[in-house]
Protein backbone atom coordinates (compact mmCIF):
# COMPACT_ATOMS: atom_id res chain seq x y z
CA MET A 1 -67.21 13.24 37.91
CA ASN A 2 -64.92 11.90 40.61
CA LYS A 3 -61.89 13.71 42.02
CA LEU A 4 -59.34 11.71 39.97
CA SER A 5 -61.22 12.39 36.72
CA ALA A 6 -61.36 16.11 37.51
CA ILE A 7 -57.61 16.24 38.22
CA LEU A 8 -56.86 14.35 35.00
CA LEU A 9 -59.11 16.68 33.01
CA LEU A 10 -57.46 19.78 34.50
CA SER A 11 -54.01 18.34 33.72
CA ILE A 12 -54.96 17.74 30.09
CA ILE A 13 -56.42 21.25 29.75
CA PHE A 14 -53.37 22.86 31.39
CA SER A 15 -50.89 20.96 29.20
CA ALA A 16 -52.83 21.92 26.08
CA PHE A 17 -52.60 25.60 26.95
CA SER A 18 -48.99 25.54 28.21
CA SER A 19 -47.54 24.97 24.74
CA LYS A 20 -50.39 26.17 22.56
CA GLU A 21 -49.54 27.19 19.04
CA THR A 22 -51.23 30.24 17.58
CA PHE A 23 -51.44 30.56 13.80
CA ILE A 24 -49.88 33.79 12.45
CA GLU A 25 -49.90 33.46 8.65
CA GLN A 26 -49.15 31.39 5.57
CA LEU A 27 -46.38 32.38 3.20
CA GLN A 28 -45.00 31.18 -0.11
CA ILE A 29 -41.30 30.49 -0.70
CA GLY A 30 -40.62 29.15 -4.16
CA LYS A 31 -43.28 26.57 -4.94
CA PHE A 32 -43.88 25.68 -1.25
CA THR A 33 -46.45 27.03 1.20
CA TYR A 34 -45.47 27.33 4.86
CA SER A 35 -47.43 28.17 7.99
CA ILE A 36 -45.98 30.39 10.73
CA TYR A 37 -47.14 29.81 14.30
CA SER A 38 -46.32 31.42 17.63
CA GLN A 39 -45.58 29.11 20.57
CA SER A 40 -44.86 30.03 24.21
CA LYS A 41 -42.61 27.98 26.46
CA PHE A 42 -40.74 28.38 29.72
CA LEU A 43 -37.03 27.58 29.32
CA HIS A 44 -36.01 26.17 32.70
CA ASP A 45 -32.25 26.22 32.12
CA ASP A 46 -32.31 29.93 31.26
CA ASN A 47 -35.18 30.85 33.60
CA LEU A 48 -36.75 32.56 30.59
CA ASN A 49 -40.33 32.93 29.39
CA ALA A 50 -39.92 32.52 25.65
CA GLU A 51 -42.15 32.84 22.64
CA PHE A 52 -41.02 31.31 19.35
CA PHE A 53 -41.91 31.52 15.69
CA ILE A 54 -42.49 27.94 14.53
CA VAL A 55 -42.53 27.08 10.80
CA LYS A 56 -44.39 24.09 9.35
CA THR A 57 -45.36 22.98 5.88
CA LYS A 58 -48.97 23.46 4.96
CA SER A 59 -49.56 19.70 4.80
CA SER A 60 -47.47 18.58 7.80
CA LYS A 61 -47.45 19.12 11.54
CA LYS A 62 -43.67 18.70 11.68
CA ASN A 63 -41.64 21.74 12.80
CA LEU A 64 -39.13 22.74 10.11
CA CYS A 65 -37.37 25.59 11.90
CA SER A 66 -37.92 28.16 14.62
CA SER A 67 -36.63 31.43 15.99
CA PHE A 68 -37.16 33.61 19.05
CA LYS A 69 -40.11 35.97 18.93
CA ASN A 70 -39.64 37.21 22.49
CA GLY A 71 -37.71 36.25 25.62
CA CYS A 72 -38.39 37.76 29.06
CA ARG A 73 -37.20 37.22 32.61
CA ASN A 74 -38.67 39.16 35.54
CA ASP A 75 -40.45 41.64 33.23
CA THR A 76 -37.18 42.39 31.39
CA THR A 77 -36.97 41.66 27.67
CA PHE A 78 -33.71 39.95 26.68
CA ILE A 79 -34.56 38.80 23.14
CA LYS A 80 -36.93 40.15 20.53
CA GLY A 81 -37.33 38.76 17.04
CA GLY A 82 -39.14 39.08 13.74
CA TYR A 83 -39.23 37.51 10.32
CA THR A 84 -39.66 38.31 6.65
CA SER A 85 -39.61 36.27 3.47
CA ASN A 86 -39.09 36.64 -0.24
CA LYS A 87 -39.44 34.28 -3.22
CA LYS A 88 -36.26 32.39 -2.30
CA GLU A 89 -35.84 32.40 1.49
CA LEU A 90 -37.22 32.87 4.99
CA ILE A 91 -35.29 35.37 7.11
CA PHE A 92 -35.38 35.55 10.91
CA LYS A 93 -33.91 38.49 12.84
CA GLU A 94 -33.19 38.30 16.56
CA TYR A 95 -32.16 41.26 18.72
CA TYR A 96 -30.39 40.66 22.04
CA TYR A 97 -30.68 43.17 24.87
CA SER A 98 -27.87 42.57 27.36
CA ASN A 99 -24.79 44.24 28.79
CA TYR A 100 -22.28 41.81 27.27
CA SER A 101 -20.39 44.17 24.97
CA LYS A 102 -18.02 41.52 23.56
CA PHE A 103 -20.88 39.59 21.91
CA SER A 104 -23.11 40.41 18.95
CA ASP A 105 -26.35 42.28 19.64
CA SER A 106 -28.34 40.82 16.74
CA ILE A 107 -28.38 37.88 14.38
CA ILE A 108 -29.94 37.15 11.00
CA LYS A 109 -30.69 33.54 10.05
CA ARG A 110 -31.60 32.64 6.46
CA PHE A 111 -33.44 29.44 5.50
CA ILE A 112 -33.96 28.09 1.98
CA PRO A 113 -36.15 25.16 0.87
CA ASP A 114 -34.71 22.05 -0.73
CA LYS A 115 -36.44 20.09 -3.51
CA SER A 116 -38.83 18.44 -1.04
CA GLY A 117 -39.72 21.68 0.79
CA ALA A 118 -37.63 21.11 3.92
CA LEU A 119 -36.02 24.33 5.13
CA HIS A 120 -32.25 24.44 5.62
CA LEU A 121 -30.18 27.09 7.36
CA SER A 122 -28.18 28.68 4.54
CA LYS A 123 -26.51 31.63 6.27
CA ILE A 124 -26.03 33.20 9.70
CA GLU A 125 -24.93 36.81 10.10
CA GLN A 126 -24.09 38.36 13.47
CA TYR A 127 -24.10 42.12 14.03
CA LYS A 128 -22.81 44.46 16.70
CA GLU A 129 -24.01 48.06 16.69
CA GLY A 130 -25.18 47.68 13.07
CA LYS A 131 -21.88 46.31 11.73
CA LEU A 132 -21.15 42.73 10.68
CA PHE A 133 -19.58 40.98 13.67
CA ILE A 134 -16.88 38.34 13.21
CA GLU A 135 -15.67 36.39 16.24
C-alpha cells in the first residue's frame, strides 16, 4: 500500500467514525415502527460536543426528527435530553444547564405521525423551574 492509499484509507475510516450512528431501540407509534439512533457531532458554531437522538423509519435511512441527547463544552454539560413514546406520539425532553435566568430551563417537543409515517412536530412546551414558560 502506498502512502496516498494509506492516507485515503485513514480518512475514510475517520469520517465513518466521526458521525457514527449507534442503534438504541425500535418503537411503535400507531401502526408505524421507528428506529432510534444516537449520533455524535461537533457543532463548530457553538463549540459544543453534541450527541443527538436520531429517528428513522424501519424501512428508510432518512432522518425524520432529532433531539439533543447530550451537549458538552470543556467537560461542562449544557444540555441533557431523553425521550419517551406512547401509542400516539414521540416525546423528547431537553434540559438546559446555564445561568441565563430569563430563558426556559427545559423544553418538551411532541411529534406525531401522519398517514405515511412521517413525523411532524405537533407541540412545543417550554418550562422554567417546573412551570410552563411563556415568552
